[in-house]
Structures are given as structure tokens and as C-alpha cells.
Amino acid sequence: EADYDRVAAVLEDEDSDEEEIAKAEREL
């Protein structure tokens, strides 16, 4: 659950680039 919140924060961050978002989606 802690990992989920941490990775989800990457998707919510407007400054995240496309590579970071794609990696976060796979991790979720």
C-alpha cells in the first residue's frame, strides 16, 4: 500500500516525464 501511494504520486505530479509515467504505470 505504501509502494502504491509512492508510485501513484508520480502519476499525479505534473512535472513527471513520459518515461517516468510509463514506468509508474507498469509498477502499479
mmCIF file of all heavy atoms, coordinates in Angstrom:
data_MODEL
# 
_entry.id   MODEL 
# 
loop_
_atom_site.group_PDB 
_atom_site.id 
_atom_site.type_symbol 
_atom_site.label_atom_id 
_atom_site.label_alt_id 
_atom_site.label_comp_id 
_atom_site.label_asym_id 
_atom_site.label_entity_id 
_atom_site.label_seq_id 
_atom_site.pdbx_PDB_ins_code 
_atom_site.Cartn_x 
_atom_site.Cartn_y 
_atom_site.Cartn_z 
_atom_site.occupancy 
_atom_site.B_iso_or_equiv 
_atom_site.pdbx_formal_charge 
_atom_site.auth_seq_id 
_atom_site.auth_comp_id 
_atom_site.auth_asym_id 
_atom_site.auth_atom_id 
_atom_site.pdbx_PDB_model_num 
ATOM 1   N N   . GLU A 1 1  ? 0.831  -1.210 0.000   1.00 0.00 ? 1  GLU A N   1 
ATOM 2   C CA  . GLU A 1 1  ? 0.000  0.000  0.000   1.00 0.00 ? 1  GLU A CA  1 
ATOM 3   C C   . GLU A 1 1  ? 0.864  1.258  0.000   1.00 0.00 ? 1  GLU A C   1 
ATOM 4   O O   . GLU A 1 1  ? 0.556  2.249  -0.680  1.00 0.00 ? 1  GLU A O   1 
ATOM 5   C CB  . GLU A 1 1  ? -0.934 -0.017 1.209   1.00 0.00 ? 1  GLU A CB  1 
ATOM 6   C CG  . GLU A 1 1  ? -2.048 -1.069 1.107   1.00 0.00 ? 1  GLU A CG  1 
ATOM 7   C CD  . GLU A 1 1  ? -2.866 -1.168 2.374   1.00 0.00 ? 1  GLU A CD  1 
ATOM 8   O OE1 . GLU A 1 1  ? -2.397 -0.672 3.423   1.00 0.00 ? 1  GLU A OE1 1 
ATOM 9   O OE2 . GLU A 1 1  ? -3.968 -1.762 2.324   1.00 0.00 ? 1  GLU A OE2 1 
ATOM 10  N N   . ALA A 1 2  ? 1.957  1.224  0.766   1.00 0.00 ? 2  ALA A N   1 
ATOM 11  C CA  . ALA A 1 2  ? 2.872  2.368  0.785   1.00 0.00 ? 2  ALA A CA  1 
ATOM 12  C C   . ALA A 1 2  ? 3.531  2.551  -0.581  1.00 0.00 ? 2  ALA A C   1 
ATOM 13  O O   . ALA A 1 2  ? 3.672  3.679  -1.081  1.00 0.00 ? 2  ALA A O   1 
ATOM 14  C CB  . ALA A 1 2  ? 3.929  2.170  1.870   1.00 0.00 ? 2  ALA A CB  1 
ATOM 15  N N   . ASP A 1 3  ? 3.919  1.420  -1.202  1.00 0.00 ? 3  ASP A N   1 
ATOM 16  C CA  . ASP A 1 3  ? 4.517  1.496  -2.542  1.00 0.00 ? 3  ASP A CA  1 
ATOM 17  C C   . ASP A 1 3  ? 3.517  2.037  -3.554  1.00 0.00 ? 3  ASP A C   1 
ATOM 18  O O   . ASP A 1 3  ? 3.882  2.814  -4.448  1.00 0.00 ? 3  ASP A O   1 
ATOM 19  C CB  . ASP A 1 3  ? 4.991  0.102  -2.981  1.00 0.00 ? 3  ASP A CB  1 
ATOM 20  C CG  . ASP A 1 3  ? 6.212  -0.373 -2.208  1.00 0.00 ? 3  ASP A CG  1 
ATOM 21  O OD1 . ASP A 1 3  ? 6.885  0.480  -1.594  1.00 0.00 ? 3  ASP A OD1 1 
ATOM 22  O OD2 . ASP A 1 3  ? 6.477  -1.594 -2.213  1.00 0.00 ? 3  ASP A OD2 1 
ATOM 23  N N   . TYR A 1 4  ? 2.246  1.632  -3.424  1.00 0.00 ? 4  TYR A N   1 
ATOM 24  C CA  . TYR A 1 4  ? 1.211  2.097  -4.348  1.00 0.00 ? 4  TYR A CA  1 
ATOM 25  C C   . TYR A 1 4  ? 1.071  3.619  -4.260  1.00 0.00 ? 4  TYR A C   1 
ATOM 26  O O   . TYR A 1 4  ? 1.013  4.310  -5.282  1.00 0.00 ? 4  TYR A O   1 
ATOM 27  C CB  . TYR A 1 4  ? -0.122 1.427  -4.018  1.00 0.00 ? 4  TYR A CB  1 
ATOM 28  C CG  . TYR A 1 4  ? -1.181 1.589  -5.079  1.00 0.00 ? 4  TYR A CG  1 
ATOM 29  C CD1 . TYR A 1 4  ? -1.423 0.582  -6.010  1.00 0.00 ? 4  TYR A CD1 1 
ATOM 30  C CD2 . TYR A 1 4  ? -1.941 2.752  -5.170  1.00 0.00 ? 4  TYR A CD2 1 
ATOM 31  C CE1 . TYR A 1 4  ? -2.390 0.723  -6.999  1.00 0.00 ? 4  TYR A CE1 1 
ATOM 32  C CE2 . TYR A 1 4  ? -2.902 2.915  -6.155  1.00 0.00 ? 4  TYR A CE2 1 
ATOM 33  C CZ  . TYR A 1 4  ? -3.121 1.893  -7.063  1.00 0.00 ? 4  TYR A CZ  1 
ATOM 34  O OH  . TYR A 1 4  ? -4.073 2.060  -8.045  1.00 0.00 ? 4  TYR A OH  1 
ATOM 35  N N   . ASP A 1 5  ? 1.007  4.151  -3.025  1.00 0.00 ? 5  ASP A N   1 
ATOM 36  C CA  . ASP A 1 5  ? 0.876  5.607  -2.848  1.00 0.00 ? 5  ASP A CA  1 
ATOM 37  C C   . ASP A 1 5  ? 2.091  6.340  -3.408  1.00 0.00 ? 5  ASP A C   1 
ATOM 38  O O   . ASP A 1 5  ? 1.963  7.404  -4.036  1.00 0.00 ? 5  ASP A O   1 
ATOM 39  C CB  . ASP A 1 5  ? 0.704  5.933  -1.363  1.00 0.00 ? 5  ASP A CB  1 
ATOM 40  C CG  . ASP A 1 5  ? -0.622 5.432  -0.810  1.00 0.00 ? 5  ASP A CG  1 
ATOM 41  O OD1 . ASP A 1 5  ? -1.545 5.211  -1.620  1.00 0.00 ? 5  ASP A OD1 1 
ATOM 42  O OD2 . ASP A 1 5  ? -0.732 5.250  0.417   1.00 0.00 ? 5  ASP A OD2 1 
ATOM 43  N N   . ARG A 1 6  ? 3.278  5.752  -3.203  1.00 0.00 ? 6  ARG A N   1 
ATOM 44  C CA  . ARG A 1 6  ? 4.506  6.394  -3.687  1.00 0.00 ? 6  ARG A CA  1 
ATOM 45  C C   . ARG A 1 6  ? 4.523  6.456  -5.215  1.00 0.00 ? 6  ARG A C   1 
ATOM 46  O O   . ARG A 1 6  ? 4.820  7.508  -5.801  1.00 0.00 ? 6  ARG A O   1 
ATOM 47  C CB  . ARG A 1 6  ? 5.725  5.622  -3.178  1.00 0.00 ? 6  ARG A CB  1 
ATOM 48  C CG  . ARG A 1 6  ? 7.063  6.115  -3.727  1.00 0.00 ? 6  ARG A CG  1 
ATOM 49  C CD  . ARG A 1 6  ? 8.207  5.276  -3.200  1.00 0.00 ? 6  ARG A CD  1 
ATOM 50  N NE  . ARG A 1 6  ? 8.020  3.859  -3.459  1.00 0.00 ? 6  ARG A NE  1 
ATOM 51  C CZ  . ARG A 1 6  ? 8.250  3.290  -4.645  1.00 0.00 ? 6  ARG A CZ  1 
ATOM 52  N NH1 . ARG A 1 6  ? 8.658  4.031  -5.681  1.00 0.00 ? 6  ARG A NH1 1 
ATOM 53  N NH2 . ARG A 1 6  ? 8.078  1.985  -4.814  1.00 0.00 ? 6  ARG A NH2 1 
ATOM 54  N N   . VAL A 1 7  ? 4.179  5.337  -5.862  1.00 0.00 ? 7  VAL A N   1 
ATOM 55  C CA  . VAL A 1 7  ? 4.197  5.296  -7.327  1.00 0.00 ? 7  VAL A CA  1 
ATOM 56  C C   . VAL A 1 7  ? 3.060  6.140  -7.914  1.00 0.00 ? 7  VAL A C   1 
ATOM 57  O O   . VAL A 1 7  ? 3.236  6.813  -8.932  1.00 0.00 ? 7  VAL A O   1 
ATOM 58  C CB  . VAL A 1 7  ? 4.090  3.840  -7.824  1.00 0.00 ? 7  VAL A CB  1 
ATOM 59  C CG1 . VAL A 1 7  ? 4.031  3.792  -9.342  1.00 0.00 ? 7  VAL A CG1 1 
ATOM 60  C CG2 . VAL A 1 7  ? 5.275  3.024  -7.320  1.00 0.00 ? 7  VAL A CG2 1 
ATOM 61  N N   . ALA A 1 8  ? 1.897  6.123  -7.257  1.00 0.00 ? 8  ALA A N   1 
ATOM 62  C CA  . ALA A 1 8  ? 0.767  6.916  -7.754  1.00 0.00 ? 8  ALA A CA  1 
ATOM 63  C C   . ALA A 1 8  ? 1.086  8.404  -7.739  1.00 0.00 ? 8  ALA A C   1 
ATOM 64  O O   . ALA A 1 8  ? 0.594  9.168  -8.571  1.00 0.00 ? 8  ALA A O   1 
ATOM 65  C CB  . ALA A 1 8  ? -0.475 6.634  -6.922  1.00 0.00 ? 8  ALA A CB  1 
ATOM 66  N N   . ALA A 1 9  ? 1.933  8.814  -6.778  1.00 0.00 ? 9  ALA A N   1 
ATOM 67  C CA  . ALA A 1 9  ? 2.309  10.226 -6.692  1.00 0.00 ? 9  ALA A CA  1 
ATOM 68  C C   . ALA A 1 9  ? 3.053  10.672 -7.949  1.00 0.00 ? 9  ALA A C   1 
ATOM 69  O O   . ALA A 1 9  ? 2.967  11.844 -8.353  1.00 0.00 ? 9  ALA A O   1 
ATOM 70  C CB  . ALA A 1 9  ? 3.163  10.453 -5.450  1.00 0.00 ? 9  ALA A CB  1 
ATOM 71  N N   . VAL A 1 10 ? 3.757  9.748  -8.599  1.00 0.00 ? 10 VAL A N   1 
ATOM 72  C CA  . VAL A 1 10 ? 4.464  10.080 -9.836  1.00 0.00 ? 10 VAL A CA  1 
ATOM 73  C C   . VAL A 1 10 ? 3.461  10.443 -10.930 1.00 0.00 ? 10 VAL A C   1 
ATOM 74  O O   . VAL A 1 10 ? 3.676  11.378 -11.712 1.00 0.00 ? 10 VAL A O   1 
ATOM 75  C CB  . VAL A 1 10 ? 5.344  8.890  -10.284 1.00 0.00 ? 10 VAL A CB  1 
ATOM 76  C CG1 . VAL A 1 10 ? 6.004  9.192  -11.626 1.00 0.00 ? 10 VAL A CG1 1 
ATOM 77  C CG2 . VAL A 1 10 ? 6.391  8.579  -9.227  1.00 0.00 ? 10 VAL A CG2 1 
ATOM 78  N N   . LEU A 1 11 ? 2.354  9.714  -10.993 1.00 0.00 ? 11 LEU A N   1 
ATOM 79  C CA  . LEU A 1 11 ? 1.330  9.998  -11.997 1.00 0.00 ? 11 LEU A CA  1 
ATOM 80  C C   . LEU A 1 11 ? 0.628  11.324 -11.733 1.00 0.00 ? 11 LEU A C   1 
ATOM 81  O O   . LEU A 1 11 ? 0.176  12.001 -12.666 1.00 0.00 ? 11 LEU A O   1 
ATOM 82  C CB  . LEU A 1 11 ? 0.309  8.861  -12.037 1.00 0.00 ? 11 LEU A CB  1 
ATOM 83  C CG  . LEU A 1 11 ? 0.826  7.470  -12.416 1.00 0.00 ? 11 LEU A CG  1 
ATOM 84  C CD1 . LEU A 1 11 ? -0.308 6.452  -12.362 1.00 0.00 ? 11 LEU A CD1 1 
ATOM 85  C CD2 . LEU A 1 11 ? 1.447  7.486  -13.796 1.00 0.00 ? 11 LEU A CD2 1 
ATOM 86  N N   . GLU A 1 12 ? 0.520  11.681 -10.451 1.00 0.00 ? 12 GLU A N   1 
ATOM 87  C CA  . GLU A 1 12 ? -0.174 12.928 -10.097 1.00 0.00 ? 12 GLU A CA  1 
ATOM 88  C C   . GLU A 1 12 ? 0.722  14.151 -10.288 1.00 0.00 ? 12 GLU A C   1 
ATOM 89  O O   . GLU A 1 12 ? 0.228  15.273 -10.376 1.00 0.00 ? 12 GLU A O   1 
ATOM 90  C CB  . GLU A 1 12 ? -0.644 12.852 -8.646  1.00 0.00 ? 12 GLU A CB  1 
ATOM 91  C CG  . GLU A 1 12 ? -1.670 11.752 -8.398  1.00 0.00 ? 12 GLU A CG  1 
ATOM 92  C CD  . GLU A 1 12 ? -2.021 11.615 -6.924  1.00 0.00 ? 12 GLU A CD  1 
ATOM 93  O OE1 . GLU A 1 12 ? -1.464 12.382 -6.121  1.00 0.00 ? 12 GLU A OE1 1 
ATOM 94  O OE2 . GLU A 1 12 ? -2.848 10.750 -6.599  1.00 0.00 ? 12 GLU A OE2 1 
ATOM 95  N N   . ASP A 1 13 ? 2.026  13.915 -10.332 1.00 0.00 ? 13 ASP A N   1 
ATOM 96  C CA  . ASP A 1 13 ? 2.974  15.028 -10.459 1.00 0.00 ? 13 ASP A CA  1 
ATOM 97  C C   . ASP A 1 13 ? 3.005  15.516 -11.906 1.00 0.00 ? 13 ASP A C   1 
ATOM 98  O O   . ASP A 1 13 ? 3.343  14.772 -12.831 1.00 0.00 ? 13 ASP A O   1 
ATOM 99  C CB  . ASP A 1 13 ? 4.362  14.556 -10.023 1.00 0.00 ? 13 ASP A CB  1 
ATOM 100 C CG  . ASP A 1 13 ? 5.348  15.719 -9.947  1.00 0.00 ? 13 ASP A CG  1 
ATOM 101 O OD1 . ASP A 1 13 ? 4.989  16.850 -10.349 1.00 0.00 ? 13 ASP A OD1 1 
ATOM 102 O OD2 . ASP A 1 13 ? 6.485  15.491 -9.484  1.00 0.00 ? 13 ASP A OD2 1 
ATOM 103 N N   . GLU A 1 14 ? 2.646  16.762 -12.120 1.00 0.00 ? 14 GLU A N   1 
ATOM 104 C CA  . GLU A 1 14 ? 2.605  17.317 -13.471 1.00 0.00 ? 14 GLU A CA  1 
ATOM 105 C C   . GLU A 1 14 ? 3.990  17.419 -14.099 1.00 0.00 ? 14 GLU A C   1 
ATOM 106 O O   . GLU A 1 14 ? 4.128  17.535 -15.323 1.00 0.00 ? 14 GLU A O   1 
ATOM 107 C CB  . GLU A 1 14 ? 1.937  18.697 -13.454 1.00 0.00 ? 14 GLU A CB  1 
ATOM 108 C CG  . GLU A 1 14 ? 0.476  18.662 -13.031 1.00 0.00 ? 14 GLU A CG  1 
ATOM 109 C CD  . GLU A 1 14 ? -0.153 20.044 -13.027 1.00 0.00 ? 14 GLU A CD  1 
ATOM 110 O OE1 . GLU A 1 14 ? 0.588  21.024 -13.276 1.00 0.00 ? 14 GLU A OE1 1 
ATOM 111 O OE2 . GLU A 1 14 ? -1.370 20.133 -12.770 1.00 0.00 ? 14 GLU A OE2 1 
ATOM 112 N N   . ASP A 1 15 ? 5.045  17.409 -13.266 1.00 0.00 ? 15 ASP A N   1 
ATOM 113 C CA  . ASP A 1 15 ? 6.405  17.542 -13.779 1.00 0.00 ? 15 ASP A CA  1 
ATOM 114 C C   . ASP A 1 15 ? 7.010  16.210 -14.211 1.00 0.00 ? 15 ASP A C   1 
ATOM 115 O O   . ASP A 1 15 ? 8.139  16.170 -14.715 1.00 0.00 ? 15 ASP A O   1 
ATOM 116 C CB  . ASP A 1 15 ? 7.307  18.176 -12.706 1.00 0.00 ? 15 ASP A CB  1 
ATOM 117 C CG  . ASP A 1 15 ? 6.868  19.610 -12.376 1.00 0.00 ? 15 ASP A CG  1 
ATOM 118 O OD1 . ASP A 1 15 ? 6.346  20.283 -13.298 1.00 0.00 ? 15 ASP A OD1 1 
ATOM 119 O OD2 . ASP A 1 15 ? 7.041  20.037 -11.224 1.00 0.00 ? 15 ASP A OD2 1 
ATOM 120 N N   . SER A 1 16 ? 6.305  15.094 -14.001 1.00 0.00 ? 16 SER A N   1 
ATOM 121 C CA  . SER A 1 16 ? 6.826  13.784 -14.388 1.00 0.00 ? 16 SER A CA  1 
ATOM 122 C C   . SER A 1 16 ? 6.885  13.684 -15.911 1.00 0.00 ? 16 SER A C   1 
ATOM 123 O O   . SER A 1 16 ? 5.945  14.091 -16.606 1.00 0.00 ? 16 SER A O   1 
ATOM 124 C CB  . SER A 1 16 ? 5.943  12.671 -13.830 1.00 0.00 ? 16 SER A CB  1 
ATOM 125 O OG  . SER A 1 16 ? 5.909  12.718 -12.411 1.00 0.00 ? 16 SER A OG  1 
ATOM 126 N N   . ASP A 1 17 ? 8.010  13.146 -16.415 1.00 0.00 ? 17 ASP A N   1 
ATOM 127 C CA  . ASP A 1 17 ? 8.113  12.994 -17.874 1.00 0.00 ? 17 ASP A CA  1 
ATOM 128 C C   . ASP A 1 17 ? 7.453  11.694 -18.313 1.00 0.00 ? 17 ASP A C   1 
ATOM 129 O O   . ASP A 1 17 ? 7.033  10.881 -17.484 1.00 0.00 ? 17 ASP A O   1 
ATOM 130 C CB  . ASP A 1 17 ? 9.572  13.045 -18.324 1.00 0.00 ? 17 ASP A CB  1 
ATOM 131 C CG  . ASP A 1 17 ? 10.431 11.969 -17.663 1.00 0.00 ? 17 ASP A CG  1 
ATOM 132 O OD1 . ASP A 1 17 ? 9.907  10.861 -17.403 1.00 0.00 ? 17 ASP A OD1 1 
ATOM 133 O OD2 . ASP A 1 17 ? 11.619 12.229 -17.398 1.00 0.00 ? 17 ASP A OD2 1 
ATOM 134 N N   . GLU A 1 18 ? 7.361  11.501 -19.633 1.00 0.00 ? 18 GLU A N   1 
ATOM 135 C CA  . GLU A 1 18 ? 6.652  10.344 -20.177 1.00 0.00 ? 18 GLU A CA  1 
ATOM 136 C C   . GLU A 1 18 ? 7.283  9.028  -19.768 1.00 0.00 ? 18 GLU A C   1 
ATOM 137 O O   . GLU A 1 18 ? 6.592  8.040  -19.502 1.00 0.00 ? 18 GLU A O   1 
ATOM 138 C CB  . GLU A 1 18 ? 6.600  10.441 -21.705 1.00 0.00 ? 18 GLU A CB  1 
ATOM 139 C CG  . GLU A 1 18 ? 5.741  11.589 -22.222 1.00 0.00 ? 18 GLU A CG  1 
ATOM 140 C CD  . GLU A 1 18 ? 5.643  11.592 -23.732 1.00 0.00 ? 18 GLU A CD  1 
ATOM 141 O OE1 . GLU A 1 18 ? 6.219  10.673 -24.357 1.00 0.00 ? 18 GLU A OE1 1 
ATOM 142 O OE2 . GLU A 1 18 ? 4.995  12.504 -24.279 1.00 0.00 ? 18 GLU A OE2 1 
ATOM 143 N N   . GLU A 1 19 ? 8.612  8.985  -19.686 1.00 0.00 ? 19 GLU A N   1 
ATOM 144 C CA  . GLU A 1 19 ? 9.291  7.747  -19.305 1.00 0.00 ? 19 GLU A CA  1 
ATOM 145 C C   . GLU A 1 19 ? 8.965  7.373  -17.866 1.00 0.00 ? 19 GLU A C   1 
ATOM 146 O O   . GLU A 1 19 ? 8.719  6.196  -17.554 1.00 0.00 ? 19 GLU A O   1 
ATOM 147 C CB  . GLU A 1 19 ? 10.796 7.912  -19.496 1.00 0.00 ? 19 GLU A CB  1 
ATOM 148 C CG  . GLU A 1 19 ? 11.585 6.635  -19.215 1.00 0.00 ? 19 GLU A CG  1 
ATOM 149 C CD  . GLU A 1 19 ? 13.072 6.800  -19.496 1.00 0.00 ? 19 GLU A CD  1 
ATOM 150 O OE1 . GLU A 1 19 ? 13.444 7.779  -20.173 1.00 0.00 ? 19 GLU A OE1 1 
ATOM 151 O OE2 . GLU A 1 19 ? 13.851 5.951  -19.024 1.00 0.00 ? 19 GLU A OE2 1 
ATOM 152 N N   . GLU A 1 20 ? 8.962  8.381  -16.978 1.00 0.00 ? 20 GLU A N   1 
ATOM 153 C CA  . GLU A 1 20 ? 8.635  8.127  -15.570 1.00 0.00 ? 20 GLU A CA  1 
ATOM 154 C C   . GLU A 1 20 ? 7.182  7.664  -15.426 1.00 0.00 ? 20 GLU A C   1 
ATOM 155 O O   . GLU A 1 20 ? 6.879  6.760  -14.639 1.00 0.00 ? 20 GLU A O   1 
ATOM 156 C CB  . GLU A 1 20 ? 8.866  9.398  -14.745 1.00 0.00 ? 20 GLU A CB  1 
ATOM 157 C CG  . GLU A 1 20 ? 10.320 9.777  -14.564 1.00 0.00 ? 20 GLU A CG  1 
ATOM 158 C CD  . GLU A 1 20 ? 10.482 11.096 -13.833 1.00 0.00 ? 20 GLU A CD  1 
ATOM 159 O OE1 . GLU A 1 20 ? 9.626  11.998 -14.043 1.00 0.00 ? 20 GLU A OE1 1 
ATOM 160 O OE2 . GLU A 1 20 ? 11.441 11.234 -13.061 1.00 0.00 ? 20 GLU A OE2 1 
ATOM 161 N N   . ILE A 1 21 ? 6.283  8.281  -16.188 1.00 0.00 ? 21 ILE A N   1 
ATOM 162 C CA  . ILE A 1 21 ? 4.862  7.902  -16.118 1.00 0.00 ? 21 ILE A CA  1 
ATOM 163 C C   . ILE A 1 21 ? 4.664  6.476  -16.615 1.00 0.00 ? 21 ILE A C   1 
ATOM 164 O O   . ILE A 1 21 ? 3.945  5.683  -16.001 1.00 0.00 ? 21 ILE A O   1 
ATOM 165 C CB  . ILE A 1 21 ? 4.016  8.885  -16.948 1.00 0.00 ? 21 ILE A CB  1 
ATOM 166 C CG1 . ILE A 1 21 ? 4.012  10.268 -16.276 1.00 0.00 ? 21 ILE A CG1 1 
ATOM 167 C CG2 . ILE A 1 21 ? 2.594  8.368  -17.121 1.00 0.00 ? 21 ILE A CG2 1 
ATOM 168 C CD1 . ILE A 1 21 ? 3.307  11.339 -17.079 1.00 0.00 ? 21 ILE A CD1 1 
ATOM 169 N N   . ALA A 1 22 ? 5.302  6.117  -17.730 1.00 0.00 ? 22 ALA A N   1 
ATOM 170 C CA  . ALA A 1 22 ? 5.165  4.763  -18.260 1.00 0.00 ? 22 ALA A CA  1 
ATOM 171 C C   . ALA A 1 22 ? 5.689  3.735  -17.267 1.00 0.00 ? 22 ALA A C   1 
ATOM 172 O O   . ALA A 1 22 ? 5.077  2.676  -17.054 1.00 0.00 ? 22 ALA A O   1 
ATOM 173 C CB  . ALA A 1 22 ? 5.912  4.654  -19.591 1.00 0.00 ? 22 ALA A CB  1 
ATOM 174 N N   . LYS A 1 23 ? 6.845  4.027  -16.638 1.00 0.00 ? 23 LYS A N   1 
ATOM 175 C CA  . LYS A 1 23 ? 7.412  3.114  -15.646 1.00 0.00 ? 23 LYS A CA  1 
ATOM 176 C C   . LYS A 1 23 ? 6.479  2.986  -14.442 1.00 0.00 ? 23 LYS A C   1 
ATOM 177 O O   . LYS A 1 23 ? 6.253  1.878  -13.923 1.00 0.00 ? 23 LYS A O   1 
ATOM 178 C CB  . LYS A 1 23 ? 8.780  3.625  -15.202 1.00 0.00 ? 23 LYS A CB  1 
ATOM 179 C CG  . LYS A 1 23 ? 9.454  2.739  -14.156 1.00 0.00 ? 23 LYS A CG  1 
ATOM 180 C CD  . LYS A 1 23 ? 10.802 3.320  -13.710 1.00 0.00 ? 23 LYS A CD  1 
ATOM 181 C CE  . LYS A 1 23 ? 11.428 2.449  -12.622 1.00 0.00 ? 23 LYS A CE  1 
ATOM 182 N NZ  . LYS A 1 23 ? 12.720 3.021  -12.153 1.00 0.00 ? 23 LYS A NZ  1 
ATOM 183 N N   . ALA A 1 24 ? 5.895  4.120  -13.994 1.00 0.00 ? 24 ALA A N   1 
ATOM 184 C CA  . ALA A 1 24 ? 4.983  4.096  -12.842 1.00 0.00 ? 24 ALA A CA  1 
ATOM 185 C C   . ALA A 1 24 ? 3.737  3.277  -13.142 1.00 0.00 ? 24 ALA A C   1 
ATOM 186 O O   . ALA A 1 24 ? 3.251  2.532  -12.286 1.00 0.00 ? 24 ALA A O   1 
ATOM 187 C CB  . ALA A 1 24 ? 4.595  5.525  -12.459 1.00 0.00 ? 24 ALA A CB  1 
ATOM 188 N N   . GLU A 1 25 ? 3.214  3.395  -14.352 1.00 0.00 ? 25 GLU A N   1 
ATOM 189 C CA  . GLU A 1 25 ? 2.020  2.627  -14.719 1.00 0.00 ? 25 GLU A CA  1 
ATOM 190 C C   . GLU A 1 25 ? 2.296  1.134  -14.695 1.00 0.00 ? 25 GLU A C   1 
ATOM 191 O O   . GLU A 1 25 ? 1.466  0.342  -14.249 1.00 0.00 ? 25 GLU A O   1 
ATOM 192 C CB  . GLU A 1 25 ? 1.524  3.060  -16.103 1.00 0.00 ? 25 GLU A CB  1 
ATOM 193 C CG  . GLU A 1 25 ? 0.906  4.461  -16.112 1.00 0.00 ? 25 GLU A CG  1 
ATOM 194 C CD  . GLU A 1 25 ? 0.498  4.899  -17.500 1.00 0.00 ? 25 GLU A CD  1 
ATOM 195 O OE1 . GLU A 1 25 ? 1.008  4.307  -18.490 1.00 0.00 ? 25 GLU A OE1 1 
ATOM 196 O OE2 . GLU A 1 25 ? -0.326 5.836  -17.617 1.00 0.00 ? 25 GLU A OE2 1 
ATOM 197 N N   . ARG A 1 26 ? 3.492  0.732  -15.181 1.00 0.00 ? 26 ARG A N   1 
ATOM 198 C CA  . ARG A 1 26 ? 3.847  -0.686 -15.147 1.00 0.00 ? 26 ARG A CA  1 
ATOM 199 C C   . ARG A 1 26 ? 3.997  -1.180 -13.707 1.00 0.00 ? 26 ARG A C   1 
ATOM 200 O O   . ARG A 1 26 ? 3.570  -2.288 -13.370 1.00 0.00 ? 26 ARG A O   1 
ATOM 201 C CB  . ARG A 1 26 ? 5.152  -0.912 -15.924 1.00 0.00 ? 26 ARG A CB  1 
ATOM 202 C CG  . ARG A 1 26 ? 5.020  -0.725 -17.435 1.00 0.00 ? 26 ARG A CG  1 
ATOM 203 C CD  . ARG A 1 26 ? 6.242  -1.281 -18.158 1.00 0.00 ? 26 ARG A CD  1 
ATOM 204 N NE  . ARG A 1 26 ? 7.473  -0.573 -17.774 1.00 0.00 ? 26 ARG A NE  1 
ATOM 205 C CZ  . ARG A 1 26 ? 7.947  0.510  -18.373 1.00 0.00 ? 26 ARG A CZ  1 
ATOM 206 N NH1 . ARG A 1 26 ? 7.294  1.035  -19.409 1.00 0.00 ? 26 ARG A NH1 1 
ATOM 207 N NH2 . ARG A 1 26 ? 9.071  1.073  -17.977 1.00 0.00 ? 26 ARG A NH2 1 
ATOM 208 N N   . GLU A 1 27 ? 4.617  -0.359 -12.853 1.00 0.00 ? 27 GLU A N   1 
ATOM 209 C CA  . GLU A 1 27 ? 4.798  -0.744 -11.452 1.00 0.00 ? 27 GLU A CA  1 
ATOM 210 C C   . GLU A 1 27 ? 3.452  -0.869 -10.739 1.00 0.00 ? 27 GLU A C   1 
ATOM 211 O O   . GLU A 1 27 ? 3.266  -1.775 -9.914  1.00 0.00 ? 27 GLU A O   1 
ATOM 212 C CB  . GLU A 1 27 ? 5.683  0.283  -10.736 1.00 0.00 ? 27 GLU A CB  1 
ATOM 213 C CG  . GLU A 1 27 ? 7.136  0.258  -11.167 1.00 0.00 ? 27 GLU A CG  1 
ATOM 214 C CD  . GLU A 1 27 ? 7.970  1.279  -10.405 1.00 0.00 ? 27 GLU A CD  1 
ATOM 215 O OE1 . GLU A 1 27 ? 7.405  1.953  -9.509  1.00 0.00 ? 27 GLU A OE1 1 
ATOM 216 O OE2 . GLU A 1 27 ? 9.164  1.410  -10.696 1.00 0.00 ? 27 GLU A OE2 1 
ATOM 217 N N   . LEU A 1 28 ? 2.518  0.019  -11.048 1.00 0.00 ? 28 LEU A N   1 
ATOM 218 C CA  . LEU A 1 28 ? 1.203  -0.039 -10.397 1.00 0.00 ? 28 LEU A CA  1 
ATOM 219 C C   . LEU A 1 28 ? 0.478  -1.334 -10.741 1.00 0.00 ? 28 LEU A C   1 
ATOM 220 O O   . LEU A 1 28 ? -0.221 -1.904 -9.902  1.00 0.00 ? 28 LEU A O   1 
ATOM 221 C CB  . LEU A 1 28 ? 0.343  1.167  -10.817 1.00 0.00 ? 28 LEU A CB  1 
ATOM 222 C CG  . LEU A 1 28 ? 0.647  2.495  -10.138 1.00 0.00 ? 28 LEU A CG  1 
ATOM 223 C CD1 . LEU A 1 28 ? -0.286 3.579  -10.649 1.00 0.00 ? 28 LEU A CD1 1 
ATOM 224 C CD2 . LEU A 1 28 ? 0.505  2.378  -8.623  1.00 0.00 ? 28 LEU A CD2 1 
# 
